[in-house]
N, C-alpha and C. Protein backbone atom coordinates (compact mmCIF):
# COMPACT_ATOMS: atom_id res chain seq x y z
N MET A 1 -16.25 -8.89 24.34
CA MET A 1 -16.95 -7.41 24.03
C MET A 1 -18.40 -7.15 24.23
N GLU A 2 -19.02 -8.05 25.14
CA GLU A 2 -20.27 -7.98 25.27
C GLU A 2 -20.98 -6.66 25.97
N GLY A 3 -21.85 -5.64 25.36
CA GLY A 3 -22.77 -5.01 25.87
C GLY A 3 -21.71 -3.71 25.11
N MET A 4 -20.76 -3.74 24.64
CA MET A 4 -20.17 -2.56 23.67
C MET A 4 -20.93 -2.30 22.38
N LYS A 5 -21.10 -1.03 22.28
CA LYS A 5 -21.55 -0.54 20.97
C LYS A 5 -20.53 -0.77 19.96
N GLN A 6 -21.00 -0.59 18.85
CA GLN A 6 -20.03 -0.98 17.67
C GLN A 6 -19.44 0.20 17.32
N LYS A 7 -19.38 1.45 17.69
CA LYS A 7 -18.75 2.49 17.58
C LYS A 7 -19.64 4.12 17.81
N ARG A 8 -18.65 5.00 18.14
CA ARG A 8 -19.50 6.30 18.51
C ARG A 8 -20.56 6.62 17.67
N GLN A 9 -21.68 7.19 18.18
CA GLN A 9 -22.59 7.70 17.57
C GLN A 9 -22.65 8.89 17.22
N GLY A 10 -23.13 9.19 16.31
CA GLY A 10 -23.59 11.02 15.53
C GLY A 10 -22.44 11.22 14.44
N LEU A 11 -21.33 10.55 14.33
CA LEU A 11 -20.39 10.95 13.28
C LEU A 11 -19.47 9.63 12.97
N SER A 12 -19.51 9.41 11.40
CA SER A 12 -18.31 8.46 11.01
C SER A 12 -18.02 8.95 9.61
N LEU A 13 -16.93 8.69 9.40
CA LEU A 13 -16.14 9.03 8.36
C LEU A 13 -16.41 8.65 6.82
N SER A 14 -16.95 9.31 5.94
CA SER A 14 -17.40 9.12 4.59
C SER A 14 -16.95 8.99 3.64
N HIS A 15 -16.26 10.22 3.05
CA HIS A 15 -15.48 10.48 1.93
C HIS A 15 -14.54 11.52 2.21
N MET A 16 -13.82 11.55 1.29
CA MET A 16 -12.82 12.39 0.93
C MET A 16 -12.69 13.03 -0.53
N GLY A 17 -12.49 14.79 -0.30
CA GLY A 17 -12.25 15.16 -1.50
C GLY A 17 -10.43 15.73 -1.54
N PHE A 18 -10.08 15.89 -2.95
CA PHE A 18 -8.66 16.46 -3.26
C PHE A 18 -8.55 17.33 -4.21
N TYR A 19 -7.62 17.92 -4.26
CA TYR A 19 -7.81 19.02 -5.70
C TYR A 19 -6.32 18.20 -6.19
N VAL A 20 -6.61 18.32 -7.66
CA VAL A 20 -5.75 17.90 -8.76
C VAL A 20 -5.52 18.82 -9.84
N ASN A 21 -4.29 18.41 -10.35
CA ASN A 21 -3.68 19.13 -11.33
C ASN A 21 -4.37 18.90 -12.79
N ASP A 22 -3.85 17.41 -12.95
CA ASP A 22 -4.53 16.78 -14.22
C ASP A 22 -5.81 16.04 -14.36
N MET A 23 -6.77 16.75 -14.07
CA MET A 23 -8.06 16.04 -13.91
C MET A 23 -8.25 14.61 -14.90
N ALA A 24 -7.81 14.43 -15.94
CA ALA A 24 -8.30 13.38 -16.78
C ALA A 24 -7.09 12.63 -16.25
N ARG A 25 -5.76 12.72 -16.20
CA ARG A 25 -5.15 11.76 -15.66
C ARG A 25 -5.31 11.12 -14.37
N VAL A 26 -5.93 11.99 -13.49
CA VAL A 26 -6.11 11.35 -12.36
C VAL A 26 -7.65 10.68 -12.03
N GLU A 27 -8.38 11.01 -12.93
CA GLU A 27 -9.76 10.07 -13.26
C GLU A 27 -9.34 8.95 -13.37
N ASP A 28 -8.56 9.10 -14.63
CA ASP A 28 -8.27 7.71 -15.33
C ASP A 28 -7.44 6.84 -14.30
N PHE A 29 -6.51 7.39 -13.50
CA PHE A 29 -6.03 6.48 -12.46
C PHE A 29 -6.81 5.77 -11.51
N TYR A 30 -7.54 6.60 -11.08
CA TYR A 30 -8.73 6.16 -10.15
C TYR A 30 -9.86 5.35 -10.32
N SER A 31 -10.36 5.55 -11.75
CA SER A 31 -11.23 4.35 -12.50
C SER A 31 -10.69 3.31 -12.89
N ARG A 32 -9.87 3.39 -13.32
CA ARG A 32 -9.18 2.45 -14.37
C ARG A 32 -8.28 1.42 -13.75
N VAL A 33 -7.24 1.94 -12.59
CA VAL A 33 -6.16 0.93 -12.02
C VAL A 33 -6.87 0.88 -10.58
N LEU A 34 -7.64 1.68 -9.64
CA LEU A 34 -7.99 1.54 -8.61
C LEU A 34 -9.40 0.95 -8.52
N GLU A 35 -10.01 0.91 -9.80
CA GLU A 35 -11.39 0.40 -9.85
C GLU A 35 -12.70 1.32 -9.20
N PHE A 36 -12.77 2.66 -9.32
CA PHE A 36 -13.42 3.32 -8.62
C PHE A 36 -14.34 3.48 -10.09
N THR A 37 -15.71 3.90 -9.90
CA THR A 37 -16.84 4.25 -10.70
C THR A 37 -16.91 5.59 -10.68
N VAL A 38 -16.92 6.22 -12.06
CA VAL A 38 -17.51 7.94 -11.86
C VAL A 38 -18.64 7.67 -11.89
N THR A 39 -19.22 8.41 -10.86
CA THR A 39 -20.90 8.41 -10.36
C THR A 39 -21.68 9.62 -10.83
N ASP A 40 -20.71 10.85 -10.94
CA ASP A 40 -21.31 12.48 -11.52
C ASP A 40 -20.07 13.16 -11.60
N ARG A 41 -20.34 13.88 -12.14
CA ARG A 41 -19.26 14.96 -12.61
C ARG A 41 -20.12 16.56 -12.93
N GLY A 42 -19.51 17.55 -12.84
CA GLY A 42 -19.84 18.85 -13.42
C GLY A 42 -18.83 19.93 -12.41
N LYS A 43 -19.53 21.14 -12.86
CA LYS A 43 -18.90 22.39 -12.21
C LYS A 43 -19.51 23.25 -11.21
N LEU A 44 -19.14 23.74 -10.19
CA LEU A 44 -19.41 24.58 -9.59
C LEU A 44 -18.86 25.90 -9.43
N GLN A 45 -19.58 26.92 -9.35
CA GLN A 45 -19.15 28.11 -9.07
C GLN A 45 -18.36 28.42 -7.39
N THR A 46 -17.50 28.88 -7.11
CA THR A 46 -17.20 29.09 -5.82
C THR A 46 -16.53 30.56 -5.86
N PRO A 47 -16.44 30.92 -4.55
CA PRO A 47 -15.45 32.36 -4.49
C PRO A 47 -14.16 32.70 -4.98
N SER A 48 -13.52 31.59 -5.23
CA SER A 48 -12.32 31.40 -5.98
C SER A 48 -12.36 31.05 -7.23
N GLY A 49 -13.66 31.40 -7.74
CA GLY A 49 -13.83 30.70 -9.34
C GLY A 49 -14.49 29.40 -9.32
N GLU A 50 -14.85 29.19 -10.66
CA GLU A 50 -15.17 27.50 -11.31
C GLU A 50 -14.30 26.60 -11.01
N VAL A 51 -14.92 25.62 -10.10
CA VAL A 51 -14.30 24.30 -9.75
C VAL A 51 -15.02 23.06 -10.90
N ARG A 52 -14.30 22.30 -11.16
CA ARG A 52 -14.49 20.93 -12.01
C ARG A 52 -14.56 19.78 -10.74
N LEU A 53 -15.57 19.11 -10.57
CA LEU A 53 -15.62 18.15 -9.68
C LEU A 53 -15.82 17.02 -10.34
N VAL A 54 -15.39 15.53 -10.03
CA VAL A 54 -15.55 14.24 -10.40
C VAL A 54 -15.79 13.38 -9.47
N PHE A 55 -17.04 12.77 -8.98
CA PHE A 55 -16.91 12.03 -7.95
C PHE A 55 -17.12 10.59 -8.31
N LEU A 56 -16.40 9.63 -7.38
CA LEU A 56 -16.25 8.33 -7.42
C LEU A 56 -16.45 7.38 -6.40
N SER A 57 -16.86 6.24 -6.72
CA SER A 57 -17.15 5.17 -5.81
C SER A 57 -17.10 3.93 -6.12
N ARG A 58 -16.82 3.04 -5.16
CA ARG A 58 -16.67 1.83 -5.30
C ARG A 58 -17.77 0.96 -4.61
N ASP A 59 -19.07 1.49 -4.13
CA ASP A 59 -19.83 0.99 -3.81
C ASP A 59 -21.21 1.54 -4.30
N PRO A 60 -22.01 0.82 -4.78
CA PRO A 60 -23.44 1.10 -5.16
C PRO A 60 -24.32 2.06 -4.29
N ALA A 61 -24.13 1.69 -3.29
CA ALA A 61 -24.92 2.63 -2.40
C ALA A 61 -24.26 3.80 -1.83
N VAL A 62 -23.26 4.08 -2.18
CA VAL A 62 -22.53 5.35 -1.72
C VAL A 62 -22.31 6.33 -2.90
N HIS A 63 -22.89 7.23 -2.94
CA HIS A 63 -22.67 8.26 -4.15
C HIS A 63 -21.56 8.59 -4.51
N HIS A 64 -20.37 8.80 -3.75
CA HIS A 64 -19.13 8.96 -3.63
C HIS A 64 -18.16 9.16 -2.43
N GLN A 65 -17.14 8.32 -2.53
CA GLN A 65 -16.30 8.21 -1.71
C GLN A 65 -14.95 8.76 -1.86
N ILE A 66 -14.52 9.19 -3.01
CA ILE A 66 -13.65 10.25 -3.38
C ILE A 66 -14.03 11.67 -4.31
N VAL A 67 -13.71 12.56 -4.20
CA VAL A 67 -14.00 13.90 -4.75
C VAL A 67 -12.88 14.06 -5.22
N LEU A 68 -12.83 14.41 -6.49
CA LEU A 68 -11.38 15.24 -7.55
C LEU A 68 -11.89 16.64 -7.77
N ALA A 69 -11.18 17.50 -7.24
CA ALA A 69 -11.68 19.00 -7.82
C ALA A 69 -10.49 19.62 -8.35
N SER A 70 -10.65 20.23 -9.44
CA SER A 70 -9.93 21.01 -10.13
C SER A 70 -9.12 22.26 -9.33
N GLY A 71 -8.16 22.20 -9.53
CA GLY A 71 -7.55 23.79 -8.77
C GLY A 71 -6.15 23.37 -8.56
N ARG A 72 -5.19 22.27 -8.06
CA ARG A 72 -4.19 21.92 -7.78
C ARG A 72 -3.10 22.87 -8.42
N PRO A 73 -2.18 23.59 -7.83
CA PRO A 73 -1.17 23.88 -8.85
C PRO A 73 -0.27 22.83 -9.48
N ALA A 74 0.20 23.43 -10.55
CA ALA A 74 0.96 22.00 -11.02
C ALA A 74 2.36 21.83 -10.31
N HIS A 75 2.59 22.72 -9.53
CA HIS A 75 4.25 22.32 -8.84
C HIS A 75 3.71 22.74 -7.33
N LEU A 76 3.73 22.10 -6.10
CA LEU A 76 3.44 22.39 -4.97
C LEU A 76 5.06 22.26 -3.98
N ALA A 77 5.27 23.33 -3.10
CA ALA A 77 6.55 22.89 -2.43
C ALA A 77 6.24 21.88 -1.40
N PHE A 78 5.19 21.62 -1.11
CA PHE A 78 5.01 20.79 -0.13
C PHE A 78 3.34 20.11 -0.40
N ASN A 79 3.32 18.56 -0.27
CA ASN A 79 2.02 18.34 -0.59
C ASN A 79 1.30 17.64 0.87
N PRO A 80 -0.17 18.31 1.02
CA PRO A 80 -0.47 18.56 2.29
C PRO A 80 -1.02 16.80 2.84
N ILE A 81 -1.58 16.01 1.48
CA ILE A 81 -1.95 15.02 1.77
C ILE A 81 -0.98 13.95 2.08
N ASN A 82 -0.88 13.46 3.52
CA ASN A 82 0.01 12.47 3.87
C ASN A 82 -0.35 11.21 3.39
N GLN A 83 -1.93 10.78 3.27
CA GLN A 83 -2.01 9.52 2.67
C GLN A 83 -3.49 9.43 2.45
N ILE A 84 -3.87 8.35 1.44
CA ILE A 84 -5.18 8.17 1.31
C ILE A 84 -5.32 6.69 1.39
N SER A 85 -6.03 6.01 2.46
CA SER A 85 -6.17 4.61 2.87
C SER A 85 -7.16 3.96 2.40
N LEU A 86 -6.96 2.91 1.80
CA LEU A 86 -8.20 2.24 1.24
C LEU A 86 -8.11 0.71 1.74
N GLU A 87 -9.04 0.33 2.50
CA GLU A 87 -9.21 -1.39 3.12
C GLU A 87 -9.18 -2.01 2.12
N ALA A 88 -8.41 -3.35 2.03
CA ALA A 88 -8.91 -4.28 0.80
C ALA A 88 -9.26 -5.30 1.92
N ASP A 89 -9.91 -6.11 0.83
CA ASP A 89 -10.94 -7.56 1.32
C ASP A 89 -10.13 -8.94 1.97
N SER A 90 -8.61 -8.77 1.37
CA SER A 90 -7.84 -9.81 1.26
C SER A 90 -6.70 -9.70 1.06
N LEU A 91 -5.71 -10.41 1.37
CA LEU A 91 -4.26 -10.18 0.71
C LEU A 91 -4.25 -10.47 -0.30
N ALA A 92 -4.97 -11.44 -1.29
CA ALA A 92 -5.22 -11.76 -2.65
C ALA A 92 -5.52 -10.42 -3.43
N THR A 93 -6.38 -9.70 -2.65
CA THR A 93 -6.58 -8.23 -3.40
C THR A 93 -5.55 -7.29 -3.57
N LEU A 94 -4.61 -7.24 -1.99
CA LEU A 94 -3.79 -6.68 -2.12
C LEU A 94 -2.30 -6.84 -2.91
N ARG A 95 -2.48 -8.24 -3.08
CA ARG A 95 -1.49 -8.76 -4.20
C ARG A 95 -1.89 -8.40 -5.58
N GLN A 96 -3.33 -8.33 -5.95
CA GLN A 96 -3.81 -8.04 -7.36
C GLN A 96 -3.33 -6.29 -7.75
N PHE A 97 -3.57 -5.46 -6.46
CA PHE A 97 -3.35 -4.24 -6.51
C PHE A 97 -1.57 -4.04 -6.54
N HIS A 98 -0.84 -4.60 -6.01
CA HIS A 98 0.23 -4.54 -6.16
C HIS A 98 0.99 -4.89 -7.32
N GLN A 99 0.56 -5.80 -8.10
CA GLN A 99 0.70 -6.07 -9.63
C GLN A 99 0.39 -5.10 -10.40
N LYS A 100 -0.56 -4.34 -9.95
CA LYS A 100 -1.35 -3.31 -11.07
C LYS A 100 -0.47 -1.99 -10.93
N PHE A 101 0.14 -1.87 -9.75
CA PHE A 101 1.22 -0.59 -9.21
C PHE A 101 2.83 -0.97 -9.92
N VAL A 102 2.80 -2.45 -9.84
CA VAL A 102 3.96 -2.29 -10.65
C VAL A 102 4.15 -1.89 -12.26
N ALA A 103 3.15 -2.94 -12.75
CA ALA A 103 2.70 -2.85 -14.38
C ALA A 103 2.57 -1.26 -14.14
N GLU A 104 1.91 -0.15 -13.71
CA GLU A 104 2.00 1.14 -14.06
C GLU A 104 3.08 1.78 -13.88
N GLY A 105 3.82 1.38 -13.17
CA GLY A 105 5.25 2.14 -12.67
C GLY A 105 4.76 2.97 -11.97
N LEU A 106 4.12 2.94 -10.78
CA LEU A 106 4.20 3.88 -10.01
C LEU A 106 5.36 3.98 -8.96
N ASP A 107 5.47 5.27 -8.53
CA ASP A 107 6.74 5.63 -7.67
C ASP A 107 6.54 4.92 -6.65
N GLU A 108 7.79 4.66 -5.82
CA GLU A 108 7.74 4.52 -4.19
C GLU A 108 6.62 2.89 -3.47
N ILE A 109 6.49 2.14 -4.58
CA ILE A 109 5.73 0.87 -3.99
C ILE A 109 6.25 0.00 -3.00
N ARG A 110 5.96 0.67 -2.16
CA ARG A 110 6.32 -0.17 -0.94
C ARG A 110 5.55 -1.68 -0.16
N PRO A 111 5.75 -2.85 -0.17
CA PRO A 111 4.82 -3.57 0.54
C PRO A 111 5.22 -3.66 2.24
N VAL A 112 4.43 -3.13 3.11
CA VAL A 112 5.25 -3.45 4.56
C VAL A 112 4.27 -4.17 5.37
N THR A 113 4.83 -4.39 6.81
CA THR A 113 3.82 -4.85 7.66
C THR A 113 3.71 -3.54 8.80
N HIS A 114 2.31 -3.18 9.39
CA HIS A 114 2.79 -2.17 10.91
C HIS A 114 2.53 -3.24 11.59
N GLY A 115 2.38 -4.40 11.75
CA GLY A 115 2.30 -5.45 12.85
C GLY A 115 0.81 -5.79 12.81
N ASN A 116 -0.05 -4.50 12.98
CA ASN A 116 -1.57 -4.70 13.17
C ASN A 116 -2.43 -4.27 11.80
N ALA A 117 -1.33 -4.49 10.43
CA ALA A 117 -1.95 -4.56 9.30
C ALA A 117 -0.56 -5.08 8.30
N VAL A 118 -1.02 -5.20 7.23
CA VAL A 118 -0.17 -5.51 5.93
C VAL A 118 -0.30 -4.27 4.88
N SER A 119 0.14 -3.88 4.47
CA SER A 119 0.05 -2.61 3.42
C SER A 119 0.78 -2.57 2.25
N ILE A 120 0.45 -1.91 1.19
CA ILE A 120 1.14 -1.33 -0.10
C ILE A 120 1.16 0.04 -0.09
N TYR A 121 2.16 0.72 -0.20
CA TYR A 121 2.15 1.99 -0.28
C TYR A 121 2.93 2.68 -1.65
N ALA A 122 2.03 3.51 -2.33
CA ALA A 122 2.89 4.02 -3.65
C ALA A 122 2.14 5.17 -3.75
N ARG A 123 2.36 5.74 -4.78
CA ARG A 123 2.37 7.24 -5.21
C ARG A 123 1.49 7.31 -6.09
N ASP A 124 0.35 7.99 -6.33
CA ASP A 124 -0.74 8.26 -7.63
C ASP A 124 -0.10 9.04 -8.64
N PRO A 125 -0.68 9.02 -9.75
CA PRO A 125 -0.15 10.14 -10.68
C PRO A 125 0.24 11.64 -10.36
N GLU A 126 -0.05 12.00 -8.98
CA GLU A 126 0.39 13.59 -8.97
C GLU A 126 1.01 13.50 -7.55
N GLY A 127 1.62 12.57 -6.96
CA GLY A 127 2.30 11.93 -6.07
C GLY A 127 1.31 11.84 -4.51
N ASN A 128 0.57 11.86 -4.89
CA ASN A 128 -0.44 11.57 -3.29
C ASN A 128 0.00 10.28 -2.95
N ARG A 129 0.31 10.17 -1.68
CA ARG A 129 0.72 8.94 -1.19
C ARG A 129 -0.53 7.68 -0.94
N LEU A 130 -0.82 6.71 -1.58
CA LEU A 130 -1.42 5.63 -1.54
C LEU A 130 -1.33 4.40 -0.55
N GLU A 131 -2.33 4.17 0.41
CA GLU A 131 -2.09 3.07 1.15
C GLU A 131 -2.93 2.02 1.32
N LEU A 132 -3.05 0.61 0.56
CA LEU A 132 -3.91 -0.14 0.27
C LEU A 132 -3.71 -1.37 1.75
N PHE A 133 -4.57 -1.71 2.60
CA PHE A 133 -4.15 -2.46 3.78
C PHE A 133 -5.04 -3.53 4.07
N ILE A 134 -4.98 -4.66 4.75
CA ILE A 134 -5.84 -5.52 5.29
C ILE A 134 -5.28 -5.35 6.97
N ASP A 135 -5.93 -5.61 7.82
CA ASP A 135 -5.64 -5.75 9.11
C ASP A 135 -5.43 -7.17 9.33
N THR A 136 -4.46 -7.25 10.28
CA THR A 136 -4.34 -8.44 11.05
C THR A 136 -5.08 -8.68 12.19
N PRO A 137 -5.03 -9.89 12.79
CA PRO A 137 -5.67 -10.27 13.86
C PRO A 137 -5.13 -9.61 15.40
N TRP A 138 -3.94 -8.89 14.94
CA TRP A 138 -2.96 -8.41 16.04
C TRP A 138 -2.94 -7.30 16.35
N TYR A 139 -2.57 -6.22 17.35
CA TYR A 139 -2.46 -5.14 17.45
C TYR A 139 -0.80 -5.06 18.18
N VAL A 140 -0.27 -4.18 17.72
CA VAL A 140 1.21 -3.78 18.13
C VAL A 140 1.06 -2.02 18.30
N ASP A 141 2.01 -1.38 19.39
CA ASP A 141 2.10 0.01 19.25
C ASP A 141 2.42 0.36 18.09
N GLN A 142 1.91 1.52 17.66
CA GLN A 142 2.73 2.29 16.69
C GLN A 142 3.18 3.64 16.95
N PRO A 143 3.94 3.90 15.77
CA PRO A 143 4.18 3.81 14.73
C PRO A 143 5.07 2.38 14.68
N MET A 144 4.74 1.43 13.52
CA MET A 144 5.97 0.88 13.58
C MET A 144 5.77 0.09 11.63
N ARG A 145 7.03 0.17 11.47
CA ARG A 145 7.05 -0.34 9.59
C ARG A 145 8.17 -1.29 9.35
N VAL A 146 7.82 -2.15 8.72
CA VAL A 146 8.99 -3.03 8.21
C VAL A 146 8.77 -3.54 7.08
N PRO A 147 9.44 -3.76 6.04
CA PRO A 147 9.05 -4.30 4.80
C PRO A 147 8.77 -5.87 4.75
N VAL A 148 8.00 -6.14 3.82
CA VAL A 148 7.32 -7.75 3.66
C VAL A 148 7.44 -7.85 2.08
N ASP A 149 7.77 -9.26 2.18
CA ASP A 149 8.43 -9.78 0.58
C ASP A 149 6.93 -10.45 0.27
N PHE A 150 6.61 -9.59 -0.96
CA PHE A 150 5.26 -9.93 -1.57
C PHE A 150 5.54 -11.63 -2.56
N ASP A 151 6.62 -11.70 -2.91
CA ASP A 151 7.12 -13.05 -3.62
C ASP A 151 6.61 -14.45 -2.76
N ARG A 152 6.70 -14.36 -1.57
CA ARG A 152 6.55 -15.20 -0.33
C ARG A 152 5.15 -15.81 -0.75
N PRO A 153 4.85 -17.00 -0.57
CA PRO A 153 3.34 -17.42 -0.42
C PRO A 153 2.76 -16.91 0.95
N ASP A 154 1.31 -16.70 0.53
CA ASP A 154 0.46 -16.16 1.69
C ASP A 154 0.71 -16.58 3.52
N ALA A 155 0.68 -18.05 3.27
CA ALA A 155 0.88 -18.62 4.98
C ALA A 155 2.69 -17.83 5.18
N GLU A 156 3.32 -18.23 4.34
CA GLU A 156 4.79 -17.70 4.82
C GLU A 156 4.65 -16.09 5.26
N LEU A 157 3.89 -15.49 4.28
CA LEU A 157 4.36 -13.98 4.58
C LEU A 157 3.53 -13.72 5.65
N MET A 158 2.09 -13.83 5.84
CA MET A 158 1.38 -14.12 7.14
C MET A 158 2.22 -14.61 8.42
N ALA A 159 2.91 -15.78 8.35
CA ALA A 159 3.55 -16.09 9.46
C ALA A 159 4.62 -15.35 10.29
N ASP A 160 5.37 -14.81 8.70
CA ASP A 160 6.58 -13.80 9.25
C ASP A 160 6.01 -12.47 9.71
N VAL A 161 4.76 -12.21 9.53
CA VAL A 161 3.87 -10.87 10.13
C VAL A 161 3.91 -11.17 11.50
N GLU A 162 3.51 -12.35 11.87
CA GLU A 162 2.91 -12.43 12.96
C GLU A 162 4.25 -12.89 13.74
N ARG A 163 4.93 -13.54 13.47
CA ARG A 163 6.28 -13.70 14.28
C ARG A 163 7.23 -12.56 14.69
N HIS A 164 7.22 -11.26 13.59
CA HIS A 164 7.76 -10.10 13.85
C HIS A 164 6.74 -9.42 14.78
N ALA A 165 5.54 -9.59 14.89
CA ALA A 165 4.53 -8.64 15.85
C ALA A 165 4.63 -9.32 17.08
N ARG A 166 4.92 -10.47 17.19
CA ARG A 166 5.21 -11.01 18.78
C ARG A 166 6.06 -10.44 19.16
N THR A 167 7.08 -9.80 18.77
CA THR A 167 8.33 -9.31 19.29
C THR A 167 8.19 -8.20 19.73
N LEU A 168 7.26 -7.34 19.15
CA LEU A 168 6.87 -5.99 19.31
C LEU A 168 6.23 -5.72 20.74
N PRO A 169 6.49 -4.28 21.08
CA PRO A 169 5.76 -3.75 22.25
C PRO A 169 4.29 -3.92 22.08
N GLY A 170 3.64 -3.91 23.30
CA GLY A 170 1.94 -3.95 23.04
C GLY A 170 1.42 -4.94 22.25
N PHE A 171 1.92 -6.18 22.02
CA PHE A 171 1.49 -7.03 21.11
C PHE A 171 0.14 -7.40 21.81
N ARG A 172 -0.87 -7.81 21.41
CA ARG A 172 -2.16 -8.51 22.01
C ARG A 172 -3.01 -8.70 20.84
N PRO A 173 -4.21 -9.26 20.97
CA PRO A 173 -4.82 -9.86 20.03
C PRO A 173 -5.89 -8.46 19.67
N ARG A 174 -6.28 -8.26 18.38
CA ARG A 174 -6.81 -7.02 18.17
C ARG A 174 -8.16 -6.66 18.94
N SER A 175 -8.78 -8.03 19.35
CA SER A 175 -10.14 -7.71 20.01
C SER A 175 -9.95 -7.50 21.32
N VAL A 176 -8.67 -7.57 21.88
CA VAL A 176 -8.41 -6.77 23.20
C VAL A 176 -8.09 -5.50 22.90
N TRP A 177 -7.44 -5.35 22.07
CA TRP A 177 -7.23 -3.75 21.90
C TRP A 177 -8.69 -3.14 21.53
N GLN A 178 -9.28 -3.85 20.61
CA GLN A 178 -10.35 -3.15 20.11
C GLN A 178 -11.55 -2.77 21.79
N ALA A 179 -11.33 -3.59 22.61
CA ALA A 179 -12.07 -3.53 23.98
C ALA A 179 -11.27 -2.14 24.67
N GLU A 180 -10.60 -2.05 24.90
CA GLU A 180 -9.88 -1.14 25.30
C GLU A 180 -9.79 0.14 24.83
N MET A 181 -10.04 0.29 23.79
CA MET A 181 -10.36 1.79 22.85
C MET A 181 -12.05 1.97 23.08
N ALA A 182 -13.31 0.61 22.92
CA ALA A 182 -14.36 1.14 23.34
C ALA A 182 -14.65 1.66 24.81
N GLU A 183 -13.49 1.28 25.48
CA GLU A 183 -13.65 1.50 27.07
C GLU A 183 -13.12 3.21 27.07
N ARG A 184 -12.26 3.25 26.48
CA ARG A 184 -11.34 4.64 26.06
C ARG A 184 -12.42 5.67 25.66
N MET A 185 -13.29 4.99 24.61
CA MET A 185 -14.22 6.08 23.86
C MET A 185 -15.41 5.91 24.55
N GLY A 186 -15.74 5.58 25.87
CA GLY A 186 -16.79 5.44 26.54
C GLY A 186 -18.06 4.81 25.94
N LEU A 187 -17.50 3.61 25.29
CA LEU A 187 -18.74 2.83 24.61
C LEU A 187 -19.29 1.54 25.23
N VAL A 188 -18.38 1.42 26.59
CA VAL A 188 -18.93 0.18 27.18
C VAL A 188 -19.46 0.67 28.58
């Protein structure tokens, strides 16, 4: 991948904000369970009225990675948030959060592989789907999702993930896929 720029210049995804109904409950979950730190809080007047905001980050160099905003209705016919995805630094970290999610009694806790990642999914206190994941060294065509057994030792779990990924369409090393994407994005 020599000569390839790392990413497109101009924009990069920075943070997200979403509306909550029970600010205290959601703030507690994101700060206590997901270990975000409240960096600021306050109120803003908007054309729709006052909005309370809580800013959260896990990175001391970044003021906020998530903004919680008051104003979500108590009952929604449809949740427009498909998922909130957070990249973990290791399988050990994924396992740690899986245990926390189980201890919290979260809904829909599902450890899975996408071939190109190992993920755990669960619902936050207001029903937003969370995904915590690590990348694997492989790529497979998406979408693809199958359950994994977090009771297996790391080496066995990852061997199972790789063995399954090798049987799927599009299997190749992540580095090959990244080079293809760089070319598609005009970065080489």
